[in-house]
N, C-alpha and C. Protein backbone atom coordinates (compact mmCIF):
# COMPACT_ATOMS: atom_id res chain seq x y z
N MET A 1 107.17 70.60 90.69
CA MET A 1 105.94 70.86 91.41
C MET A 1 104.88 69.87 90.94
N ALA A 2 104.19 69.28 91.86
CA ALA A 2 103.15 68.31 91.53
C ALA A 2 101.95 69.02 90.92
N GLU A 3 101.21 68.30 90.11
CA GLU A 3 100.07 68.89 89.42
C GLU A 3 99.05 69.44 90.42
N GLY A 4 98.79 68.70 91.48
CA GLY A 4 97.84 69.14 92.50
C GLY A 4 98.27 70.42 93.18
N GLU A 5 99.58 70.56 93.42
CA GLU A 5 100.09 71.77 94.05
C GLU A 5 99.89 72.98 93.14
N GLU A 6 100.13 72.78 91.84
CA GLU A 6 99.95 73.89 90.90
C GLU A 6 98.51 74.37 90.91
N SER A 7 97.55 73.46 90.97
CA SER A 7 96.16 73.88 90.97
C SER A 7 95.82 74.64 92.25
N TRP A 8 96.43 74.27 93.39
CA TRP A 8 96.23 75.04 94.62
C TRP A 8 96.84 76.42 94.49
N ASP A 9 97.99 76.52 93.83
CA ASP A 9 98.59 77.84 93.60
C ASP A 9 97.61 78.73 92.84
N LYS A 10 97.02 78.20 91.79
CA LYS A 10 96.08 78.98 90.97
C LYS A 10 94.81 79.32 91.73
N THR A 11 94.31 78.36 92.51
CA THR A 11 93.11 78.61 93.33
C THR A 11 93.40 79.72 94.33
N LEU A 12 94.56 79.65 94.97
CA LEU A 12 94.97 80.66 95.93
C LEU A 12 95.06 82.03 95.27
N GLU A 13 95.66 82.08 94.09
CA GLU A 13 95.79 83.35 93.37
C GLU A 13 94.41 83.93 93.05
N GLU A 14 93.50 83.08 92.59
CA GLU A 14 92.15 83.54 92.24
C GLU A 14 91.43 84.11 93.45
N TRP A 15 91.47 83.41 94.57
CA TRP A 15 90.74 83.84 95.77
C TRP A 15 91.41 85.01 96.49
N MET A 16 92.73 85.03 96.53
CA MET A 16 93.42 85.98 97.39
C MET A 16 93.98 87.22 96.68
N LEU A 17 94.30 87.10 95.40
CA LEU A 17 94.98 88.22 94.73
C LEU A 17 94.14 88.94 93.69
N GLN A 18 93.05 88.32 93.26
CA GLN A 18 92.27 88.88 92.16
C GLN A 18 91.77 90.30 92.43
N GLU A 19 91.39 90.60 93.66
CA GLU A 19 90.88 91.93 94.01
C GLU A 19 92.00 92.91 94.37
N SER A 20 93.25 92.46 94.31
CA SER A 20 94.43 93.26 94.67
C SER A 20 94.44 93.68 96.14
N TYR A 21 93.78 92.90 97.00
CA TYR A 21 93.82 93.16 98.44
C TYR A 21 95.14 92.68 99.06
N CYS A 22 95.81 91.75 98.37
CA CYS A 22 97.05 91.16 98.86
C CYS A 22 98.08 91.14 97.74
N CYS A 23 99.36 91.17 98.11
CA CYS A 23 100.42 91.06 97.10
C CYS A 23 100.93 89.63 96.98
N ALA A 24 100.67 88.81 98.02
CA ALA A 24 101.11 87.41 98.00
C ALA A 24 100.27 86.62 98.99
N ALA A 25 100.24 85.31 98.79
CA ALA A 25 99.48 84.43 99.70
C ALA A 25 100.08 83.03 99.66
N GLY A 26 99.81 82.28 100.71
CA GLY A 26 100.29 80.91 100.78
C GLY A 26 99.37 80.06 101.64
N ILE A 27 99.48 78.74 101.47
CA ILE A 27 98.72 77.80 102.29
C ILE A 27 99.69 76.74 102.82
N ALA A 28 99.50 76.40 104.10
CA ALA A 28 100.29 75.34 104.73
C ALA A 28 99.35 74.40 105.48
N GLN A 29 99.81 73.19 105.70
CA GLN A 29 99.09 72.28 106.57
C GLN A 29 99.29 72.73 108.01
N LYS A 30 98.24 72.74 108.81
CA LYS A 30 98.37 73.10 110.22
C LYS A 30 99.23 72.08 110.96
N ALA A 31 99.22 70.85 110.50
CA ALA A 31 99.96 69.77 111.17
C ALA A 31 101.47 69.97 111.17
N ASP A 32 102.01 70.70 110.16
CA ASP A 32 103.46 70.86 110.11
C ASP A 32 103.96 72.26 109.76
N GLY A 33 103.09 73.15 109.30
CA GLY A 33 103.49 74.52 108.98
C GLY A 33 104.22 74.67 107.65
N ALA A 34 104.34 73.60 106.88
CA ALA A 34 105.05 73.67 105.60
C ALA A 34 104.12 74.17 104.50
N LEU A 35 104.52 75.24 103.85
CA LEU A 35 103.72 75.79 102.75
C LEU A 35 103.71 74.80 101.58
N TYR A 36 102.54 74.63 100.97
CA TYR A 36 102.43 73.77 99.80
C TYR A 36 101.85 74.48 98.59
N ALA A 37 101.46 75.74 98.76
CA ALA A 37 100.97 76.53 97.63
C ALA A 37 101.30 77.99 97.90
N ALA A 38 101.57 78.74 96.82
CA ALA A 38 101.88 80.16 96.94
C ALA A 38 101.42 80.90 95.68
N ALA A 39 101.10 82.17 95.87
CA ALA A 39 100.70 83.03 94.76
C ALA A 39 101.28 84.41 95.02
N PRO A 40 101.60 85.20 93.98
CA PRO A 40 101.30 84.98 92.57
C PRO A 40 102.08 83.80 91.98
N VAL A 41 101.43 83.20 90.99
CA VAL A 41 101.94 81.97 90.38
C VAL A 41 103.07 82.25 89.38
N ALA A 42 102.95 83.30 88.56
CA ALA A 42 103.93 83.58 87.51
C ALA A 42 105.34 83.65 88.07
N ASP A 43 106.25 82.91 87.46
CA ASP A 43 107.67 82.87 87.84
C ASP A 43 107.88 82.51 89.32
N ASP A 44 106.91 81.80 89.91
CA ASP A 44 106.99 81.41 91.33
C ASP A 44 107.19 82.62 92.24
N ALA A 45 106.65 83.77 91.84
CA ALA A 45 106.83 85.01 92.60
C ALA A 45 106.29 84.91 94.02
N GLY A 46 105.19 84.19 94.21
CA GLY A 46 104.62 84.04 95.54
C GLY A 46 105.57 83.38 96.51
N TRP A 47 106.27 82.36 96.02
CA TRP A 47 107.22 81.66 96.89
C TRP A 47 108.30 82.61 97.39
N ALA A 48 108.82 83.46 96.52
CA ALA A 48 109.88 84.40 96.92
C ALA A 48 109.36 85.43 97.94
N LEU A 49 108.08 85.79 97.83
CA LEU A 49 107.53 86.81 98.72
C LEU A 49 107.16 86.27 100.10
N ILE A 50 106.82 84.98 100.20
CA ILE A 50 106.33 84.48 101.49
C ILE A 50 107.16 83.35 102.10
N CYS A 51 108.29 83.02 101.49
CA CYS A 51 109.02 81.87 102.00
C CYS A 51 110.52 81.97 101.74
N LYS A 52 111.30 81.72 102.77
CA LYS A 52 112.73 81.54 102.61
C LYS A 52 113.00 80.12 103.08
N GLU A 53 113.40 79.27 102.16
CA GLU A 53 113.54 77.84 102.47
C GLU A 53 114.73 77.54 103.34
N GLY A 54 114.60 76.44 104.08
CA GLY A 54 115.69 75.97 104.92
C GLY A 54 115.87 76.82 106.16
N GLU A 55 116.85 76.42 106.95
CA GLU A 55 117.18 77.19 108.15
C GLU A 55 118.21 78.26 107.79
N TYR A 56 118.14 79.38 108.51
CA TYR A 56 119.10 80.46 108.31
C TYR A 56 119.28 81.20 109.62
N GLU A 57 120.28 82.07 109.65
CA GLU A 57 120.57 82.83 110.86
C GLU A 57 119.81 84.14 110.85
N GLY A 58 119.21 84.47 112.00
CA GLY A 58 118.52 85.74 112.19
C GLY A 58 118.98 86.36 113.49
N GLU A 59 118.52 87.57 113.74
CA GLU A 59 118.85 88.25 114.98
C GLU A 59 117.59 88.78 115.62
N ILE A 60 117.52 88.64 116.96
CA ILE A 60 116.39 89.20 117.70
C ILE A 60 116.94 90.09 118.82
N PRO A 61 116.26 91.20 119.10
CA PRO A 61 116.72 92.10 120.15
C PRO A 61 116.53 91.50 121.54
N GLN A 62 117.44 91.84 122.44
CA GLN A 62 117.37 91.41 123.83
C GLN A 62 116.99 92.61 124.70
N GLU A 63 116.65 92.35 125.94
CA GLU A 63 116.24 93.41 126.86
C GLU A 63 117.33 94.46 127.08
N ASP A 64 118.60 94.05 126.96
CA ASP A 64 119.71 95.00 127.17
C ASP A 64 120.13 95.70 125.87
N ASP A 65 119.26 95.67 124.87
CA ASP A 65 119.47 96.31 123.57
C ASP A 65 120.56 95.66 122.71
N THR A 66 121.04 94.50 123.10
CA THR A 66 121.96 93.75 122.25
C THR A 66 121.13 92.86 121.33
N MET A 67 121.78 92.30 120.33
CA MET A 67 121.11 91.39 119.41
C MET A 67 121.60 89.97 119.65
N LYS A 68 120.68 89.03 119.63
CA LYS A 68 121.01 87.62 119.82
C LYS A 68 120.83 86.90 118.50
N LYS A 69 121.85 86.13 118.11
CA LYS A 69 121.76 85.34 116.88
C LYS A 69 120.93 84.07 117.16
N ILE A 70 120.03 83.76 116.24
CA ILE A 70 119.20 82.57 116.37
C ILE A 70 119.18 81.82 115.04
N THR A 71 118.80 80.58 115.07
CA THR A 71 118.56 79.81 113.85
C THR A 71 117.07 79.87 113.57
N VAL A 72 116.72 80.31 112.37
CA VAL A 72 115.33 80.49 111.99
C VAL A 72 114.89 79.36 111.05
N SER A 73 113.75 78.78 111.36
CA SER A 73 113.06 77.86 110.47
C SER A 73 111.67 78.43 110.26
N GLU A 74 111.40 78.95 109.07
CA GLU A 74 110.10 79.57 108.81
C GLU A 74 108.97 78.56 108.93
N VAL A 75 109.23 77.32 108.58
CA VAL A 75 108.21 76.27 108.72
C VAL A 75 107.83 76.14 110.20
N ALA A 76 108.82 76.09 111.08
CA ALA A 76 108.55 75.97 112.52
C ALA A 76 107.82 77.21 113.03
N CYS A 77 108.22 78.40 112.56
CA CYS A 77 107.54 79.64 112.97
C CYS A 77 106.07 79.62 112.58
N LEU A 78 105.80 79.26 111.33
CA LEU A 78 104.42 79.24 110.86
C LEU A 78 103.61 78.17 111.60
N TYR A 79 104.24 77.03 111.87
CA TYR A 79 103.57 76.00 112.65
C TYR A 79 103.16 76.56 114.02
N GLU A 80 104.09 77.25 114.70
CA GLU A 80 103.80 77.80 116.02
C GLU A 80 102.67 78.83 115.96
N VAL A 81 102.68 79.68 114.96
CA VAL A 81 101.61 80.67 114.81
C VAL A 81 100.29 79.95 114.54
N GLY A 82 100.33 78.88 113.79
CA GLY A 82 99.12 78.10 113.51
C GLY A 82 98.52 77.44 114.74
N GLN A 83 99.30 77.28 115.79
CA GLN A 83 98.80 76.68 117.03
C GLN A 83 98.28 77.73 118.02
N MET A 84 98.51 79.01 117.74
CA MET A 84 98.11 80.08 118.67
C MET A 84 96.60 80.22 118.77
N SER A 85 96.15 80.57 119.97
CA SER A 85 94.75 80.96 120.13
C SER A 85 94.67 82.36 120.76
N ASP A 86 95.82 82.85 121.26
CA ASP A 86 95.89 84.22 121.77
C ASP A 86 97.36 84.67 121.76
N MET A 87 97.59 85.93 122.10
CA MET A 87 98.93 86.51 122.00
C MET A 87 99.92 85.95 123.02
N THR A 88 99.44 85.32 124.09
CA THR A 88 100.36 84.75 125.08
C THR A 88 101.11 83.56 124.51
N GLN A 89 100.66 83.03 123.38
CA GLN A 89 101.27 81.84 122.77
C GLN A 89 102.18 82.17 121.59
N ARG A 90 102.62 83.42 121.51
CA ARG A 90 103.51 83.84 120.41
C ARG A 90 104.78 82.99 120.38
N PRO A 91 105.31 82.73 119.18
CA PRO A 91 106.58 82.01 119.09
C PRO A 91 107.68 82.80 119.81
N ALA A 92 108.53 82.12 120.54
CA ALA A 92 109.58 82.77 121.32
C ALA A 92 110.48 83.66 120.46
N ASN A 93 110.79 83.23 119.24
CA ASN A 93 111.67 84.01 118.37
C ASN A 93 110.91 84.79 117.30
N GLY A 94 109.60 84.88 117.44
CA GLY A 94 108.79 85.67 116.52
C GLY A 94 108.39 84.92 115.26
N LEU A 95 107.73 85.65 114.38
CA LEU A 95 107.30 85.11 113.09
C LEU A 95 108.23 85.63 112.01
N TRP A 96 108.82 84.72 111.27
CA TRP A 96 109.73 85.07 110.18
C TRP A 96 109.10 84.62 108.86
N ILE A 97 109.03 85.55 107.90
CA ILE A 97 108.50 85.25 106.57
C ILE A 97 109.45 85.85 105.55
N ALA A 98 109.92 85.02 104.64
CA ALA A 98 110.82 85.43 103.56
C ALA A 98 112.05 86.18 104.10
N GLY A 99 112.57 85.69 105.22
CA GLY A 99 113.77 86.27 105.79
C GLY A 99 113.57 87.51 106.63
N LYS A 100 112.31 87.93 106.84
CA LYS A 100 112.02 89.13 107.62
C LYS A 100 111.25 88.75 108.89
N LYS A 101 111.59 89.40 109.99
CA LYS A 101 110.89 89.15 111.25
C LYS A 101 109.70 90.10 111.35
N TYR A 102 108.52 89.51 111.49
CA TYR A 102 107.28 90.28 111.63
C TYR A 102 106.91 90.40 113.09
N GLN A 103 106.46 91.58 113.48
CA GLN A 103 105.97 91.82 114.83
C GLN A 103 104.50 91.40 114.86
N LEU A 104 104.18 90.40 115.67
CA LEU A 104 102.79 89.98 115.79
C LEU A 104 102.02 91.04 116.57
N THR A 105 100.87 91.44 116.04
CA THR A 105 100.11 92.54 116.63
C THR A 105 98.79 92.12 117.24
N SER A 106 98.20 91.02 116.77
CA SER A 106 96.93 90.57 117.34
C SER A 106 96.66 89.12 116.99
N CYS A 107 95.82 88.52 117.81
CA CYS A 107 95.38 87.14 117.58
C CYS A 107 94.00 87.02 118.19
N ARG A 108 93.03 86.64 117.37
CA ARG A 108 91.66 86.53 117.87
C ARG A 108 90.92 85.42 117.12
N GLU A 109 89.87 84.97 117.73
CA GLU A 109 89.05 83.92 117.12
C GLU A 109 87.86 84.55 116.42
N GLU A 110 87.56 84.04 115.24
CA GLU A 110 86.40 84.49 114.46
C GLU A 110 85.57 83.26 114.11
N GLU A 111 84.30 83.46 113.87
CA GLU A 111 83.43 82.35 113.48
C GLU A 111 83.06 82.46 112.01
N ILE A 112 83.07 81.31 111.35
CA ILE A 112 82.57 81.20 109.98
C ILE A 112 81.54 80.07 110.04
N GLY A 113 80.27 80.46 110.08
CA GLY A 113 79.23 79.45 110.25
C GLY A 113 79.43 78.74 111.57
N GLU A 114 79.53 77.41 111.53
CA GLU A 114 79.75 76.66 112.77
C GLU A 114 81.22 76.36 113.02
N HIS A 115 82.10 76.94 112.23
CA HIS A 115 83.54 76.72 112.36
C HIS A 115 84.21 77.92 113.02
N LYS A 116 85.32 77.67 113.68
CA LYS A 116 86.12 78.73 114.28
C LYS A 116 87.43 78.86 113.51
N VAL A 117 87.83 80.09 113.29
CA VAL A 117 89.08 80.41 112.60
C VAL A 117 89.86 81.37 113.49
N THR A 118 91.15 81.11 113.65
CA THR A 118 92.00 82.04 114.40
C THR A 118 92.67 82.98 113.42
N LEU A 119 92.53 84.28 113.66
CA LEU A 119 93.15 85.31 112.82
C LEU A 119 94.31 85.93 113.59
N THR A 120 95.49 85.87 113.01
CA THR A 120 96.68 86.45 113.62
C THR A 120 97.25 87.47 112.63
N MET A 121 97.66 88.61 113.15
CA MET A 121 98.19 89.67 112.28
C MET A 121 99.59 90.07 112.72
N GLY A 122 100.39 90.44 111.73
CA GLY A 122 101.74 90.88 112.01
C GLY A 122 102.17 91.94 111.02
N ALA A 123 103.21 92.69 111.40
CA ALA A 123 103.68 93.78 110.54
C ALA A 123 105.21 93.80 110.51
N HIS A 124 105.73 94.23 109.36
CA HIS A 124 107.16 94.44 109.19
C HIS A 124 107.33 95.90 108.77
N LYS A 125 107.71 96.73 109.72
CA LYS A 125 107.74 98.18 109.53
C LYS A 125 108.64 98.62 108.38
N GLU A 126 109.86 98.06 108.31
CA GLU A 126 110.83 98.52 107.31
C GLU A 126 110.35 98.28 105.88
N SER A 127 109.72 97.14 105.61
CA SER A 127 109.27 96.85 104.25
C SER A 127 107.85 97.33 103.99
N LYS A 128 107.20 97.86 105.02
CA LYS A 128 105.81 98.33 104.92
C LYS A 128 104.88 97.22 104.45
N THR A 129 105.16 95.99 104.91
CA THR A 129 104.29 94.87 104.60
C THR A 129 103.65 94.37 105.89
N ALA A 130 102.52 93.72 105.73
CA ALA A 130 101.81 93.12 106.86
C ALA A 130 101.32 91.75 106.44
N VAL A 131 101.07 90.89 107.42
CA VAL A 131 100.52 89.58 107.14
C VAL A 131 99.26 89.36 107.97
N VAL A 132 98.31 88.70 107.35
CA VAL A 132 97.11 88.23 108.03
C VAL A 132 97.15 86.72 107.87
N ILE A 133 97.05 86.01 108.99
CA ILE A 133 97.13 84.56 108.96
C ILE A 133 95.84 83.99 109.54
N ALA A 134 95.16 83.16 108.76
CA ALA A 134 93.94 82.51 109.23
C ALA A 134 94.23 81.03 109.40
N THR A 135 93.87 80.50 110.55
CA THR A 135 94.09 79.09 110.84
C THR A 135 92.77 78.40 111.03
N THR A 136 92.52 77.38 110.21
CA THR A 136 91.33 76.53 110.37
C THR A 136 91.77 75.28 111.14
N ALA A 137 90.91 74.30 111.22
CA ALA A 137 91.26 73.06 111.93
C ALA A 137 92.43 72.34 111.27
N THR A 138 92.60 72.51 109.93
CA THR A 138 93.64 71.76 109.23
C THR A 138 94.59 72.59 108.39
N GLN A 139 94.29 73.87 108.15
CA GLN A 139 95.08 74.69 107.23
C GLN A 139 95.53 76.00 107.87
N ILE A 140 96.66 76.50 107.39
CA ILE A 140 97.15 77.84 107.75
C ILE A 140 97.22 78.62 106.44
N ILE A 141 96.49 79.73 106.38
CA ILE A 141 96.46 80.58 105.18
C ILE A 141 97.19 81.87 105.52
N VAL A 142 98.11 82.28 104.65
CA VAL A 142 98.88 83.50 104.86
C VAL A 142 98.55 84.48 103.74
N ALA A 143 98.21 85.72 104.11
CA ALA A 143 97.98 86.79 103.14
C ALA A 143 98.94 87.92 103.47
N MET A 144 99.65 88.42 102.47
CA MET A 144 100.59 89.53 102.68
C MET A 144 100.08 90.77 101.97
N THR A 145 100.18 91.90 102.65
CA THR A 145 99.81 93.18 102.05
C THR A 145 101.06 94.06 101.95
N ASP A 146 101.01 94.99 101.02
CA ASP A 146 102.11 95.93 100.80
C ASP A 146 101.52 97.34 100.83
N GLU A 147 101.86 98.10 101.85
CA GLU A 147 101.33 99.45 102.01
C GLU A 147 101.64 100.33 100.81
N GLU A 148 102.80 100.13 100.18
CA GLU A 148 103.18 100.95 99.03
C GLU A 148 102.32 100.66 97.80
N LYS A 149 101.60 99.54 97.81
CA LYS A 149 100.66 99.22 96.73
C LYS A 149 99.23 99.57 97.14
N GLY A 150 99.08 100.27 98.26
CA GLY A 150 97.76 100.68 98.74
C GLY A 150 96.97 99.56 99.40
N GLN A 151 97.63 98.48 99.74
CA GLN A 151 96.96 97.33 100.36
C GLN A 151 96.95 97.48 101.87
N LYS A 152 95.83 97.12 102.49
CA LYS A 152 95.66 97.25 103.93
C LYS A 152 95.17 95.93 104.52
N PRO A 153 95.61 95.61 105.74
CA PRO A 153 95.18 94.36 106.39
C PRO A 153 93.66 94.14 106.48
N PRO A 154 92.83 95.19 106.73
CA PRO A 154 91.38 94.90 106.79
C PRO A 154 90.83 94.29 105.49
N ASN A 155 91.31 94.76 104.35
CA ASN A 155 90.85 94.17 103.07
C ASN A 155 91.39 92.76 102.91
N ALA A 156 92.64 92.53 103.33
CA ALA A 156 93.21 91.19 103.27
C ALA A 156 92.42 90.25 104.18
N THR A 157 91.95 90.77 105.30
CA THR A 157 91.14 89.96 106.22
C THR A 157 89.86 89.51 105.54
N LYS A 158 89.22 90.40 104.78
CA LYS A 158 88.00 90.03 104.04
C LYS A 158 88.32 88.88 103.07
N ALA A 159 89.41 89.02 102.33
CA ALA A 159 89.78 88.01 101.34
C ALA A 159 90.12 86.68 102.02
N ILE A 160 90.88 86.73 103.10
CA ILE A 160 91.31 85.50 103.75
C ILE A 160 90.13 84.79 104.41
N MET A 161 89.19 85.54 104.96
CA MET A 161 88.00 84.93 105.57
C MET A 161 87.13 84.27 104.50
N ALA A 162 87.01 84.90 103.34
CA ALA A 162 86.24 84.30 102.24
C ALA A 162 86.91 83.00 101.77
N PHE A 163 88.25 83.01 101.67
CA PHE A 163 88.98 81.81 101.24
C PHE A 163 88.89 80.72 102.30
N ALA A 164 88.99 81.11 103.57
CA ALA A 164 88.85 80.13 104.66
C ALA A 164 87.47 79.49 104.61
N GLU A 165 86.44 80.29 104.34
CA GLU A 165 85.08 79.74 104.24
C GLU A 165 84.99 78.75 103.08
N TYR A 166 85.62 79.08 101.95
CA TYR A 166 85.67 78.17 100.81
C TYR A 166 86.36 76.85 101.20
N LEU A 167 87.51 76.94 101.84
CA LEU A 167 88.24 75.73 102.25
C LEU A 167 87.42 74.88 103.22
N LEU A 168 86.79 75.53 104.19
CA LEU A 168 85.95 74.81 105.15
C LEU A 168 84.81 74.11 104.42
N GLY A 169 84.23 74.79 103.44
CA GLY A 169 83.13 74.21 102.65
C GLY A 169 83.59 72.99 101.83
N GLN A 170 84.89 72.96 101.52
CA GLN A 170 85.46 71.83 100.76
C GLN A 170 85.96 70.71 101.68
N GLY A 171 85.75 70.90 102.98
CA GLY A 171 86.17 69.87 103.94
C GLY A 171 87.56 70.04 104.49
N TYR A 172 88.18 71.18 104.25
CA TYR A 172 89.52 71.46 104.79
C TYR A 172 89.39 72.28 106.05
């Protein structure tokens, strides 16, 4: 891991996890959807919670109640979500994070000063986790909550909006 990446991991942990509003977080470039920082930092735990590297096989339900096998690239999924401005632009095969398919539930635009941020939310019922994704002009920020730890998406939204404002203030 490059020194600069490690400092982003720590910055992400400080902004997103310190208040215990989220169990994990990550940052990717909007240009490609590839995560370059994750938290929690200890033992690379954040990476395991928000990322399954490489392509893998997944299944998505079809209208006739059968399952269709697909090839999943989480980088491509996150890139597609980062390009969304509303729910009509959902990725065809959904959002996959750490090997789990999340049901996207909302996508809306929010303002931070003179900047616009797109907030997209998703849930994974079986694991009782949810994700809040904020997209700025150049970055995609992912915050994960765990219902069993008492974490809720509205609190994660507060944390992610504060971090997005920080990034925008730094020119990102």
